Structures are given as C-alpha cells and as structure tokens.
Amino acid sequence: MTEDRIRAPAVARNKEPILEVLRGVLPDSGTILEIASGSGEHVIHFAPHFPALTFQPTDPDERAVASIKAWVKDSALDNIQPPLMFDVMQAKWPFKKLDGMICINMIHISPWRATEALMRGAATSLRSGAPLYLYGPYRRRGVPTAPGNEAFDTSLRSRNIEWGLRNLEIVAMLAQSVGFSKPAITEMPANNLSVVFQRN
C-alpha cells in the first residue's frame, strides 16, 4: 500500500498550524467528517491528538482515496474509518448527527456550486452546535489580497475558470443562510485563514 501514498508539500507546512486551531474547535468525543481529504496526510496527523474522536475521511477522486487508504494502513491508527468515495455535490449525503466537519483547501479548487453543496450538506449532517472548519485563502472586504494569493488566483482560473479565491463575506452569508453562526476567523501562515462556523 505504501506506493499508493501521495505526498502534498503544502501539508507539511500547514498541518501543525491547523492542528493548533483544531485543538480549540473540535469536541471531546464523537465523529468528525473530513471533506476532500486529498492525500490523507492531514487526517493521520490530526487523529493521534484526538483519541476519543473518530475521523471519517472522504474524497471524490479514486487516486486520493487509494492514497488515504495507504496512509491510514501505514499509520495503524484505530480512530480513522476507511475512506469513502464522496462528492459534496451528490444529491443526498449519507451522514447524520456528525459532531464536526473539516474541509481544507477545497473551496477555491472547485466550482462555486460545490461550496453551496458543502453548506447545504453540512447544515443537514451536523448536530446543533457542531463546528464546520474551513481552511484556505480568501478575499476579504477592506483587506488587501496578498500578491502571492493574487498570483495563486490567476493560476487557478487559468486551470479552470470556475475555480479561484472566494470572497469570505459571501461564503459567510451562504453559511448563515442555511443555519450557521457568523464565522470565527484565525489568521494562518502564508496568507491563509482558518474559518469556523457553528451549527445553530
């Protein structure tokens, strides 16, 4: 299985800062759904620090799911469920009464309708009071966008016109329209943000 593992350079840079935020966000026990788990490196880094939580990684890409399986098997961690092939835009989500949700670096690398689907699905799948944790770069009203993020946005749009940095205020309005709180925002390295919504 080891040869199936993908290594994402960004994970090495952001996994510790994200973990520090999650320490103050995730509940003491329960089930945490990770959306768009990618390589699987994040979940195997987080899981040992929350032994009373069960993590459910997901991804819509077969190659990513194979990588997650390989990382999980090699980690020998017992609080990570086998990864599921799952696309946020599928009509019905098979999850209920989740205690938290994590979504790292998906919103800007997907069409806007994926963000809309994420919010709708999270609203119906999370328990009252449960956190929805988002991580990535955003545009913010009244805050100059870093040159690196501008260049990243241009690169994303050249790959897919439906991708690109989202306006945080619009993302927050969407979340609140389906029953989430106003976001708690934490500045992160490399001009990224941790954005946490609570299910009302």
N, C-alpha and C. Protein backbone atom coordinates (compact mmCIF):
# COMPACT_ATOMS: atom_id res chain seq x y z
N MET A 1 0.82 -1.22 0.00
CA MET A 1 0.00 0.00 0.00
C MET A 1 0.85 1.26 0.00
N THR A 2 2.08 1.16 0.52
CA THR A 2 2.90 2.35 0.68
C THR A 2 3.09 3.11 -0.62
N GLU A 3 3.20 2.38 -1.74
CA GLU A 3 3.45 3.04 -3.02
C GLU A 3 2.25 3.88 -3.47
N ASP A 4 1.07 3.67 -2.89
CA ASP A 4 -0.11 4.47 -3.23
C ASP A 4 -0.12 5.83 -2.56
N ARG A 5 0.76 6.03 -1.58
CA ARG A 5 0.71 7.27 -0.81
C ARG A 5 1.13 8.48 -1.66
N ILE A 6 0.32 9.52 -1.61
CA ILE A 6 0.64 10.81 -2.21
C ILE A 6 1.22 11.70 -1.12
N ARG A 7 2.23 12.48 -1.46
CA ARG A 7 2.78 13.46 -0.52
C ARG A 7 2.51 14.86 -1.08
N ALA A 8 1.76 15.64 -0.33
CA ALA A 8 1.41 17.01 -0.74
C ALA A 8 2.29 17.99 0.04
N PRO A 9 3.17 18.73 -0.63
CA PRO A 9 4.09 19.63 0.08
C PRO A 9 3.39 20.62 1.00
N ALA A 10 2.20 21.09 0.63
CA ALA A 10 1.51 22.08 1.46
C ALA A 10 1.16 21.51 2.83
N VAL A 11 0.91 20.19 2.91
CA VAL A 11 0.52 19.59 4.19
C VAL A 11 1.63 19.74 5.21
N ALA A 12 2.87 19.54 4.79
CA ALA A 12 4.00 19.66 5.71
C ALA A 12 4.07 21.07 6.31
N ARG A 13 3.64 22.07 5.53
CA ARG A 13 3.71 23.45 6.00
C ARG A 13 2.53 23.84 6.89
N ASN A 14 1.35 23.26 6.63
CA ASN A 14 0.18 23.78 7.33
C ASN A 14 -0.42 22.85 8.39
N LYS A 15 0.04 21.61 8.47
CA LYS A 15 -0.63 20.66 9.36
C LYS A 15 -0.52 21.05 10.84
N GLU A 16 0.63 21.58 11.25
CA GLU A 16 0.77 21.97 12.66
C GLU A 16 -0.05 23.21 13.00
N PRO A 17 0.00 24.28 12.18
CA PRO A 17 -0.86 25.44 12.48
C PRO A 17 -2.35 25.08 12.49
N ILE A 18 -2.78 24.22 11.57
CA ILE A 18 -4.19 23.80 11.57
C ILE A 18 -4.51 23.02 12.84
N LEU A 19 -3.63 22.11 13.22
CA LEU A 19 -3.86 21.31 14.42
C LEU A 19 -4.05 22.21 15.64
N GLU A 20 -3.25 23.25 15.75
CA GLU A 20 -3.36 24.14 16.90
C GLU A 20 -4.73 24.80 16.96
N VAL A 21 -5.29 25.17 15.81
CA VAL A 21 -6.64 25.74 15.80
C VAL A 21 -7.67 24.67 16.14
N LEU A 22 -7.52 23.48 15.58
CA LEU A 22 -8.49 22.41 15.82
C LEU A 22 -8.56 22.02 17.30
N ARG A 23 -7.46 22.18 18.03
CA ARG A 23 -7.47 21.86 19.46
C ARG A 23 -8.54 22.66 20.21
N GLY A 24 -8.81 23.86 19.73
CA GLY A 24 -9.81 24.70 20.37
C GLY A 24 -11.16 24.66 19.70
N VAL A 25 -11.30 23.81 18.69
CA VAL A 25 -12.53 23.78 17.88
C VAL A 25 -13.27 22.45 18.00
N LEU A 26 -12.55 21.35 17.91
CA LEU A 26 -13.20 20.04 17.86
C LEU A 26 -13.72 19.62 19.23
N PRO A 27 -14.82 18.85 19.27
CA PRO A 27 -15.37 18.40 20.54
C PRO A 27 -14.50 17.33 21.19
N ASP A 28 -14.84 16.96 22.42
CA ASP A 28 -14.05 15.97 23.15
C ASP A 28 -14.24 14.56 22.60
N SER A 29 -15.42 14.29 22.04
CA SER A 29 -15.69 12.96 21.52
C SER A 29 -16.68 13.06 20.37
N GLY A 30 -16.84 11.96 19.63
CA GLY A 30 -17.78 11.95 18.53
C GLY A 30 -17.14 11.62 17.21
N THR A 31 -17.86 11.91 16.12
CA THR A 31 -17.42 11.60 14.77
C THR A 31 -17.18 12.87 13.98
N ILE A 32 -16.01 12.95 13.34
CA ILE A 32 -15.61 14.11 12.54
C ILE A 32 -15.48 13.68 11.09
N LEU A 33 -16.21 14.35 10.23
CA LEU A 33 -16.14 14.08 8.79
C LEU A 33 -15.14 15.02 8.15
N GLU A 34 -14.20 14.46 7.39
CA GLU A 34 -13.29 15.30 6.61
C GLU A 34 -13.72 15.26 5.15
N ILE A 35 -14.00 16.43 4.61
CA ILE A 35 -14.40 16.58 3.22
C ILE A 35 -13.16 16.86 2.37
N ALA A 36 -13.07 16.22 1.20
CA ALA A 36 -11.94 16.45 0.28
C ALA A 36 -10.62 16.23 1.00
N SER A 37 -10.43 15.00 1.49
CA SER A 37 -9.26 14.68 2.31
C SER A 37 -7.95 14.69 1.53
N GLY A 38 -8.03 14.63 0.20
CA GLY A 38 -6.81 14.71 -0.60
C GLY A 38 -5.90 13.52 -0.37
N SER A 39 -4.65 13.79 -0.06
CA SER A 39 -3.66 12.72 0.09
C SER A 39 -3.91 11.84 1.31
N GLY A 40 -4.58 12.39 2.33
CA GLY A 40 -4.78 11.65 3.57
C GLY A 40 -3.79 12.01 4.66
N GLU A 41 -2.84 12.88 4.35
CA GLU A 41 -1.80 13.24 5.32
C GLU A 41 -2.35 14.06 6.49
N HIS A 42 -3.36 14.89 6.22
CA HIS A 42 -3.91 15.69 7.32
C HIS A 42 -4.56 14.80 8.37
N VAL A 43 -5.42 13.89 7.94
CA VAL A 43 -6.17 13.11 8.92
C VAL A 43 -5.27 12.22 9.77
N ILE A 44 -4.22 11.67 9.19
CA ILE A 44 -3.34 10.84 10.01
C ILE A 44 -2.49 11.68 10.95
N HIS A 45 -2.34 12.97 10.65
CA HIS A 45 -1.63 13.86 11.57
C HIS A 45 -2.54 14.28 12.72
N PHE A 46 -3.81 14.54 12.43
CA PHE A 46 -4.73 15.02 13.45
C PHE A 46 -5.18 13.91 14.40
N ALA A 47 -5.48 12.74 13.87
CA ALA A 47 -6.14 11.69 14.64
C ALA A 47 -5.44 11.30 15.94
N PRO A 48 -4.11 11.18 15.98
CA PRO A 48 -3.47 10.77 17.24
C PRO A 48 -3.67 11.79 18.37
N HIS A 49 -3.96 13.03 18.02
CA HIS A 49 -4.11 14.08 19.03
C HIS A 49 -5.53 14.14 19.59
N PHE A 50 -6.45 13.38 18.99
CA PHE A 50 -7.85 13.35 19.44
C PHE A 50 -8.30 11.90 19.54
N PRO A 51 -7.74 11.14 20.48
CA PRO A 51 -8.02 9.70 20.52
C PRO A 51 -9.48 9.34 20.79
N ALA A 52 -10.26 10.27 21.37
CA ALA A 52 -11.67 9.99 21.64
C ALA A 52 -12.58 10.34 20.46
N LEU A 53 -12.00 10.89 19.40
CA LEU A 53 -12.75 11.21 18.20
C LEU A 53 -12.55 10.12 17.14
N THR A 54 -13.57 9.90 16.34
CA THR A 54 -13.47 9.03 15.17
C THR A 54 -13.50 9.90 13.93
N PHE A 55 -12.53 9.73 13.07
CA PHE A 55 -12.42 10.53 11.85
C PHE A 55 -12.87 9.72 10.64
N GLN A 56 -13.68 10.35 9.80
CA GLN A 56 -14.14 9.72 8.56
C GLN A 56 -13.63 10.54 7.37
N PRO A 57 -12.53 10.12 6.73
CA PRO A 57 -12.04 10.83 5.55
C PRO A 57 -12.86 10.49 4.31
N THR A 58 -12.95 11.45 3.40
CA THR A 58 -13.66 11.25 2.13
C THR A 58 -12.93 12.00 1.02
N ASP A 59 -13.16 11.57 -0.20
CA ASP A 59 -12.68 12.31 -1.37
C ASP A 59 -13.40 11.78 -2.61
N PRO A 60 -13.64 12.64 -3.61
CA PRO A 60 -14.30 12.17 -4.83
C PRO A 60 -13.36 11.55 -5.85
N ASP A 61 -12.05 11.56 -5.57
CA ASP A 61 -11.06 11.11 -6.54
C ASP A 61 -10.49 9.74 -6.14
N GLU A 62 -10.50 8.79 -7.08
CA GLU A 62 -10.04 7.44 -6.78
C GLU A 62 -8.58 7.40 -6.35
N ARG A 63 -7.76 8.20 -7.01
CA ARG A 63 -6.33 8.22 -6.65
C ARG A 63 -6.14 8.72 -5.23
N ALA A 64 -6.90 9.74 -4.85
CA ALA A 64 -6.81 10.26 -3.48
C ALA A 64 -7.28 9.22 -2.47
N VAL A 65 -8.38 8.53 -2.77
CA VAL A 65 -8.88 7.51 -1.85
C VAL A 65 -7.85 6.40 -1.65
N ALA A 66 -7.17 6.01 -2.72
CA ALA A 66 -6.11 4.99 -2.59
C ALA A 66 -4.98 5.50 -1.71
N SER A 67 -4.63 6.77 -1.85
CA SER A 67 -3.59 7.35 -1.01
C SER A 67 -4.01 7.39 0.46
N ILE A 68 -5.25 7.81 0.71
CA ILE A 68 -5.74 7.85 2.09
C ILE A 68 -5.68 6.45 2.71
N LYS A 69 -6.15 5.44 1.97
CA LYS A 69 -6.12 4.06 2.47
C LYS A 69 -4.70 3.66 2.85
N ALA A 70 -3.74 4.02 1.99
CA ALA A 70 -2.35 3.63 2.25
C ALA A 70 -1.80 4.34 3.48
N TRP A 71 -2.04 5.64 3.59
CA TRP A 71 -1.57 6.38 4.77
C TRP A 71 -2.21 5.83 6.05
N VAL A 72 -3.50 5.56 6.01
CA VAL A 72 -4.20 5.06 7.20
C VAL A 72 -3.66 3.69 7.59
N LYS A 73 -3.47 2.82 6.60
CA LYS A 73 -2.95 1.48 6.91
C LYS A 73 -1.56 1.57 7.52
N ASP A 74 -0.70 2.39 6.94
CA ASP A 74 0.66 2.51 7.45
C ASP A 74 0.70 3.16 8.84
N SER A 75 -0.29 3.99 9.14
CA SER A 75 -0.30 4.68 10.44
C SER A 75 -0.72 3.76 11.58
N ALA A 76 -1.51 2.73 11.25
CA ALA A 76 -2.03 1.79 12.25
C ALA A 76 -2.90 2.47 13.30
N LEU A 77 -3.47 3.63 12.96
CA LEU A 77 -4.36 4.33 13.89
C LEU A 77 -5.73 3.67 13.87
N ASP A 78 -6.35 3.54 15.05
CA ASP A 78 -7.64 2.85 15.11
C ASP A 78 -8.82 3.80 15.21
N ASN A 79 -8.59 5.11 15.13
CA ASN A 79 -9.73 6.05 15.19
C ASN A 79 -9.95 6.76 13.86
N ILE A 80 -9.50 6.12 12.76
CA ILE A 80 -9.78 6.61 11.41
C ILE A 80 -10.54 5.53 10.65
N GLN A 81 -11.72 5.86 10.16
CA GLN A 81 -12.51 4.93 9.37
C GLN A 81 -11.94 4.81 7.95
N PRO A 82 -12.19 3.70 7.27
CA PRO A 82 -11.76 3.59 5.86
C PRO A 82 -12.34 4.75 5.05
N PRO A 83 -11.55 5.32 4.14
CA PRO A 83 -12.04 6.47 3.38
C PRO A 83 -13.19 6.10 2.46
N LEU A 84 -14.07 7.07 2.24
CA LEU A 84 -15.21 6.89 1.35
C LEU A 84 -15.05 7.74 0.11
N MET A 85 -15.44 7.18 -1.03
CA MET A 85 -15.57 7.97 -2.25
C MET A 85 -16.82 8.84 -2.08
N PHE A 86 -16.64 10.13 -2.03
CA PHE A 86 -17.79 11.01 -1.75
C PHE A 86 -17.57 12.37 -2.39
N ASP A 87 -18.59 12.84 -3.08
CA ASP A 87 -18.59 14.15 -3.72
C ASP A 87 -19.64 15.01 -3.03
N VAL A 88 -19.25 16.19 -2.58
CA VAL A 88 -20.20 17.05 -1.86
C VAL A 88 -21.42 17.39 -2.70
N MET A 89 -21.30 17.32 -4.03
CA MET A 89 -22.40 17.71 -4.89
C MET A 89 -23.41 16.59 -5.16
N GLN A 90 -23.19 15.41 -4.56
CA GLN A 90 -24.20 14.37 -4.74
C GLN A 90 -25.47 14.77 -3.99
N ALA A 91 -26.60 14.31 -4.49
CA ALA A 91 -27.90 14.81 -4.05
C ALA A 91 -28.15 14.58 -2.56
N LYS A 92 -27.92 13.38 -2.09
CA LYS A 92 -28.17 13.08 -0.68
C LYS A 92 -26.89 12.68 0.01
N TRP A 93 -26.63 13.30 1.15
CA TRP A 93 -25.45 12.95 1.94
C TRP A 93 -25.80 11.78 2.86
N PRO A 94 -24.93 10.78 2.97
CA PRO A 94 -25.23 9.61 3.80
C PRO A 94 -24.80 9.76 5.26
N PHE A 95 -24.65 11.01 5.73
CA PHE A 95 -24.14 11.25 7.08
C PHE A 95 -25.21 11.94 7.93
N LYS A 96 -25.32 11.54 9.19
CA LYS A 96 -26.27 12.16 10.10
C LYS A 96 -25.63 12.34 11.48
N LYS A 97 -26.02 13.41 12.15
CA LYS A 97 -25.62 13.67 13.54
C LYS A 97 -24.11 13.65 13.72
N LEU A 98 -23.40 14.28 12.80
CA LEU A 98 -21.95 14.40 12.92
C LEU A 98 -21.60 15.42 14.01
N ASP A 99 -20.45 15.22 14.62
CA ASP A 99 -20.02 16.10 15.71
C ASP A 99 -19.03 17.17 15.25
N GLY A 100 -18.67 17.14 14.00
CA GLY A 100 -17.79 18.15 13.44
C GLY A 100 -17.45 17.82 12.01
N MET A 101 -16.99 18.84 11.28
CA MET A 101 -16.63 18.67 9.87
C MET A 101 -15.42 19.53 9.57
N ILE A 102 -14.49 18.97 8.79
CA ILE A 102 -13.26 19.66 8.39
C ILE A 102 -13.19 19.68 6.87
N CYS A 103 -12.87 20.82 6.31
CA CYS A 103 -12.73 20.94 4.85
C CYS A 103 -11.54 21.86 4.57
N ILE A 104 -10.45 21.28 4.12
CA ILE A 104 -9.19 22.01 3.92
C ILE A 104 -8.91 22.17 2.42
N ASN A 105 -8.73 23.40 2.00
CA ASN A 105 -8.29 23.70 0.63
C ASN A 105 -9.18 23.09 -0.46
N MET A 106 -10.50 23.17 -0.25
CA MET A 106 -11.41 22.72 -1.30
C MET A 106 -12.13 23.87 -1.98
N ILE A 107 -12.54 24.86 -1.20
CA ILE A 107 -13.46 25.88 -1.71
C ILE A 107 -12.90 26.63 -2.92
N HIS A 108 -11.61 26.90 -2.92
CA HIS A 108 -11.02 27.64 -4.03
C HIS A 108 -10.61 26.73 -5.20
N ILE A 109 -10.61 25.42 -4.97
CA ILE A 109 -10.21 24.48 -6.04
C ILE A 109 -11.43 23.64 -6.42
N SER A 110 -12.54 24.30 -6.61
CA SER A 110 -13.79 23.64 -7.00
C SER A 110 -14.75 24.72 -7.48
N PRO A 111 -15.79 24.35 -8.22
CA PRO A 111 -16.78 25.34 -8.64
C PRO A 111 -17.55 25.89 -7.43
N TRP A 112 -18.11 27.07 -7.59
CA TRP A 112 -18.88 27.68 -6.51
C TRP A 112 -20.03 26.78 -6.08
N ARG A 113 -20.62 26.04 -7.00
CA ARG A 113 -21.73 25.17 -6.63
C ARG A 113 -21.29 24.09 -5.64
N ALA A 114 -20.00 23.76 -5.60
CA ALA A 114 -19.50 22.81 -4.60
C ALA A 114 -19.55 23.42 -3.21
N THR A 115 -19.25 24.71 -3.10
CA THR A 115 -19.36 25.39 -1.81
C THR A 115 -20.81 25.45 -1.37
N GLU A 116 -21.71 25.73 -2.30
CA GLU A 116 -23.14 25.74 -1.98
C GLU A 116 -23.58 24.36 -1.48
N ALA A 117 -23.12 23.31 -2.14
CA ALA A 117 -23.48 21.95 -1.73
C ALA A 117 -22.86 21.61 -0.38
N LEU A 118 -21.64 22.06 -0.16
CA LEU A 118 -20.98 21.83 1.13
C LEU A 118 -21.81 22.41 2.27
N MET A 119 -22.25 23.64 2.11
CA MET A 119 -23.02 24.29 3.18
C MET A 119 -24.36 23.60 3.40
N ARG A 120 -25.05 23.26 2.33
CA ARG A 120 -26.33 22.56 2.48
C ARG A 120 -26.15 21.21 3.17
N GLY A 121 -25.15 20.46 2.73
CA GLY A 121 -24.90 19.15 3.32
C GLY A 121 -24.47 19.23 4.77
N ALA A 122 -23.61 20.18 5.07
CA ALA A 122 -23.15 20.36 6.45
C ALA A 122 -24.32 20.72 7.35
N ALA A 123 -25.21 21.56 6.86
CA ALA A 123 -26.36 22.00 7.65
C ALA A 123 -27.27 20.84 8.03
N THR A 124 -27.40 19.86 7.13
CA THR A 124 -28.29 18.73 7.41
C THR A 124 -27.58 17.58 8.12
N SER A 125 -26.24 17.58 8.12
CA SER A 125 -25.49 16.44 8.66
C SER A 125 -24.90 16.69 10.04
N LEU A 126 -24.72 17.95 10.42
CA LEU A 126 -24.09 18.27 11.70
C LEU A 126 -25.11 18.41 12.81
N ARG A 127 -24.72 17.98 14.00
CA ARG A 127 -25.54 18.22 15.18
C ARG A 127 -25.57 19.72 15.49
N SER A 128 -26.56 20.13 16.25
CA SER A 128 -26.62 21.51 16.71
C SER A 128 -25.38 21.82 17.55
N GLY A 129 -24.74 22.94 17.26
CA GLY A 129 -23.55 23.34 17.98
C GLY A 129 -22.25 22.79 17.43
N ALA A 130 -22.33 21.87 16.47
CA ALA A 130 -21.12 21.26 15.92
C ALA A 130 -20.38 22.23 15.01
N PRO A 131 -19.04 22.14 14.96
CA PRO A 131 -18.25 23.06 14.15
C PRO A 131 -18.06 22.60 12.71
N LEU A 132 -18.04 23.56 11.82
CA LEU A 132 -17.60 23.36 10.43
C LEU A 132 -16.31 24.16 10.28
N TYR A 133 -15.19 23.47 10.09
CA TYR A 133 -13.88 24.11 9.99
C TYR A 133 -13.44 24.17 8.53
N LEU A 134 -13.14 25.38 8.06
CA LEU A 134 -12.64 25.59 6.71
C LEU A 134 -11.24 26.19 6.78
N TYR A 135 -10.40 25.81 5.82
CA TYR A 135 -9.05 26.38 5.74
C TYR A 135 -8.72 26.69 4.29
N GLY A 136 -8.07 27.83 4.08
CA GLY A 136 -7.62 28.19 2.75
C GLY A 136 -7.46 29.68 2.60
N PRO A 137 -7.12 30.15 1.40
CA PRO A 137 -7.01 31.58 1.13
C PRO A 137 -8.35 32.17 0.73
N TYR A 138 -8.60 33.40 1.11
CA TYR A 138 -9.85 34.09 0.78
C TYR A 138 -9.56 35.54 0.44
N ARG A 139 -10.50 36.14 -0.27
CA ARG A 139 -10.55 37.59 -0.39
C ARG A 139 -11.42 38.12 0.75
N ARG A 140 -11.05 39.28 1.30
CA ARG A 140 -11.86 39.89 2.36
C ARG A 140 -12.07 41.36 2.08
N ARG A 141 -13.27 41.81 2.30
CA ARG A 141 -13.61 43.21 2.06
C ARG A 141 -12.75 44.11 2.96
N GLY A 142 -12.11 45.07 2.35
CA GLY A 142 -11.30 46.03 3.09
C GLY A 142 -9.91 45.54 3.46
N VAL A 143 -9.55 44.31 3.05
CA VAL A 143 -8.23 43.75 3.34
C VAL A 143 -7.52 43.48 2.03
N PRO A 144 -6.39 44.15 1.76
CA PRO A 144 -5.68 43.90 0.50
C PRO A 144 -5.30 42.43 0.35
N THR A 145 -5.52 41.88 -0.82
CA THR A 145 -5.15 40.49 -1.08
C THR A 145 -3.65 40.41 -1.32
N ALA A 146 -2.98 39.50 -0.63
CA ALA A 146 -1.53 39.35 -0.76
C ALA A 146 -1.15 39.04 -2.20
N PRO A 147 -0.02 39.59 -2.68
CA PRO A 147 0.41 39.32 -4.06
C PRO A 147 0.49 37.83 -4.38
N GLY A 148 0.94 37.04 -3.41
CA GLY A 148 1.02 35.60 -3.65
C GLY A 148 -0.34 34.98 -3.86
N ASN A 149 -1.33 35.47 -3.13
CA ASN A 149 -2.69 34.95 -3.31
C ASN A 149 -3.29 35.41 -4.64
N GLU A 150 -2.95 36.63 -5.06
CA GLU A 150 -3.42 37.10 -6.37
C GLU A 150 -2.86 36.22 -7.48
N ALA A 151 -1.59 35.90 -7.36
CA ALA A 151 -0.95 35.04 -8.37
C ALA A 151 -1.56 33.64 -8.34
N PHE A 152 -1.85 33.15 -7.13
CA PHE A 152 -2.47 31.83 -6.99
C PHE A 152 -3.85 31.83 -7.63
N ASP A 153 -4.61 32.89 -7.41
CA ASP A 153 -5.94 33.01 -8.00
C ASP A 153 -5.85 32.98 -9.53
N THR A 154 -4.91 33.71 -10.10
CA THR A 154 -4.73 33.74 -11.55
C THR A 154 -4.39 32.34 -12.07
N SER A 155 -3.51 31.64 -11.34
CA SER A 155 -3.13 30.28 -11.72
C SER A 155 -4.32 29.33 -11.69
N LEU A 156 -5.13 29.44 -10.62
CA LEU A 156 -6.30 28.57 -10.50
C LEU A 156 -7.27 28.80 -11.65
N ARG A 157 -7.55 30.08 -11.96
CA ARG A 157 -8.52 30.40 -13.01
C ARG A 157 -8.01 30.00 -14.39
N SER A 158 -6.69 29.96 -14.55
CA SER A 158 -6.14 29.51 -15.84
C SER A 158 -6.32 28.01 -16.02
N ARG A 159 -6.40 27.29 -14.91
CA ARG A 159 -6.62 25.84 -14.95
C ARG A 159 -8.09 25.50 -15.11
N ASN A 160 -8.93 26.30 -14.45
CA ASN A 160 -10.39 26.07 -14.53
C ASN A 160 -11.07 27.39 -14.19
N ILE A 161 -11.84 27.92 -15.12
CA ILE A 161 -12.44 29.24 -14.95
C ILE A 161 -13.41 29.27 -13.77
N GLU A 162 -13.89 28.09 -13.33
CA GLU A 162 -14.81 28.03 -12.20
C GLU A 162 -14.10 28.00 -10.85
N TRP A 163 -12.77 27.91 -10.85
CA TRP A 163 -12.01 27.91 -9.60
C TRP A 163 -11.59 29.33 -9.25
N GLY A 164 -11.01 29.49 -8.07
CA GLY A 164 -10.48 30.79 -7.68
C GLY A 164 -10.80 31.14 -6.24
N LEU A 165 -10.10 32.14 -5.70
CA LEU A 165 -10.32 32.59 -4.33
C LEU A 165 -11.73 33.15 -4.19
N ARG A 166 -12.39 32.79 -3.09
CA ARG A 166 -13.75 33.25 -2.83
C ARG A 166 -13.74 34.44 -1.87
N ASN A 167 -14.78 35.22 -1.96
CA ASN A 167 -14.96 36.33 -1.02
C ASN A 167 -15.50 35.76 0.30
N LEU A 168 -14.78 35.99 1.38
CA LEU A 168 -15.15 35.39 2.66
C LEU A 168 -16.53 35.86 3.12
N GLU A 169 -16.84 37.11 2.86
CA GLU A 169 -18.14 37.62 3.28
C GLU A 169 -19.29 36.90 2.58
N ILE A 170 -19.09 36.54 1.32
CA ILE A 170 -20.13 35.81 0.59
C ILE A 170 -20.24 34.38 1.09
N VAL A 171 -19.10 33.75 1.38
CA VAL A 171 -19.12 32.41 1.95
C VAL A 171 -19.86 32.43 3.30
N ALA A 172 -19.58 33.45 4.11
CA ALA A 172 -20.23 33.56 5.42
C ALA A 172 -21.73 33.78 5.28
N MET A 173 -22.14 34.62 4.32
CA MET A 173 -23.57 34.84 4.10
C MET A 173 -24.27 33.55 3.70
N LEU A 174 -23.60 32.77 2.85
CA LEU A 174 -24.16 31.49 2.43
C LEU A 174 -24.32 30.56 3.64
N ALA A 175 -23.28 30.48 4.47
CA ALA A 175 -23.33 29.61 5.65
C ALA A 175 -24.46 30.03 6.60
N GLN A 176 -24.58 31.32 6.83
CA GLN A 176 -25.60 31.81 7.75
C GLN A 176 -27.01 31.59 7.19
N SER A 177 -27.13 31.59 5.86
CA SER A 177 -28.45 31.40 5.25
C SER A 177 -29.00 29.99 5.45
N VAL A 178 -28.12 29.03 5.76
CA VAL A 178 -28.57 27.65 5.98
C VAL A 178 -28.46 27.24 7.45
N GLY A 179 -28.20 28.21 8.33
CA GLY A 179 -28.27 27.91 9.75
C GLY A 179 -26.97 27.87 10.52
N PHE A 180 -25.91 28.48 10.00
CA PHE A 180 -24.65 28.54 10.73
C PHE A 180 -24.45 29.92 11.36
N SER A 181 -23.57 29.96 12.34
CA SER A 181 -23.22 31.20 13.02
C SER A 181 -22.35 32.08 12.14
N LYS A 182 -22.10 33.28 12.60
CA LYS A 182 -21.05 34.09 11.99
C LYS A 182 -19.72 33.37 12.19
N PRO A 183 -18.76 33.58 11.30
CA PRO A 183 -17.50 32.81 11.40
C PRO A 183 -16.55 33.38 12.44
N ALA A 184 -15.80 32.47 13.06
CA ALA A 184 -14.63 32.84 13.86
C ALA A 184 -13.42 32.67 12.95
N ILE A 185 -12.61 33.70 12.82
CA ILE A 185 -11.52 33.73 11.83
C ILE A 185 -10.18 33.78 12.54
N THR A 186 -9.26 32.92 12.12
CA THR A 186 -7.89 32.92 12.65
C THR A 186 -6.93 33.09 11.49
N GLU A 187 -6.06 34.09 11.59
CA GLU A 187 -5.02 34.28 10.57
C GLU A 187 -4.02 33.14 10.65
N MET A 188 -3.66 32.61 9.48
CA MET A 188 -2.75 31.48 9.40
C MET A 188 -1.53 31.84 8.57
N PRO A 189 -0.48 31.02 8.62
CA PRO A 189 0.71 31.30 7.79
C PRO A 189 0.38 31.32 6.30
N ALA A 190 1.23 31.98 5.54
CA ALA A 190 1.14 32.03 4.08
C ALA A 190 -0.18 32.62 3.59
N ASN A 191 -0.71 33.58 4.36
CA ASN A 191 -1.92 34.32 3.95
C ASN A 191 -3.16 33.44 3.81
N ASN A 192 -3.23 32.39 4.60
CA ASN A 192 -4.42 31.56 4.66
C ASN A 192 -5.23 31.91 5.91
N LEU A 193 -6.45 31.38 5.97
CA LEU A 193 -7.32 31.62 7.11
C LEU A 193 -7.92 30.31 7.60
N SER A 194 -8.12 30.21 8.90
CA SER A 194 -9.00 29.20 9.48
C SER A 194 -10.33 29.89 9.73
N VAL A 195 -11.40 29.30 9.23
CA VAL A 195 -12.74 29.88 9.35
C VAL A 195 -13.65 28.82 9.97
N VAL A 196 -14.24 29.15 11.13
CA VAL A 196 -15.04 28.18 11.85
C VAL A 196 -16.47 28.69 12.01
N PHE A 197 -17.41 27.89 11.56
CA PHE A 197 -18.84 28.15 11.74
C PHE A 197 -19.39 27.14 12.75
N GLN A 198 -20.37 27.54 13.53
CA GLN A 198 -21.07 26.63 14.42
C GLN A 198 -22.49 26.41 13.90
N ARG A 199 -22.94 25.16 13.94
CA ARG A 199 -24.30 24.84 13.51
C ARG A 199 -25.28 25.33 14.56
N ASN A 200 -26.19 26.21 14.18
CA ASN A 200 -27.18 26.75 15.11
C ASN A 200 -28.29 25.74 15.37
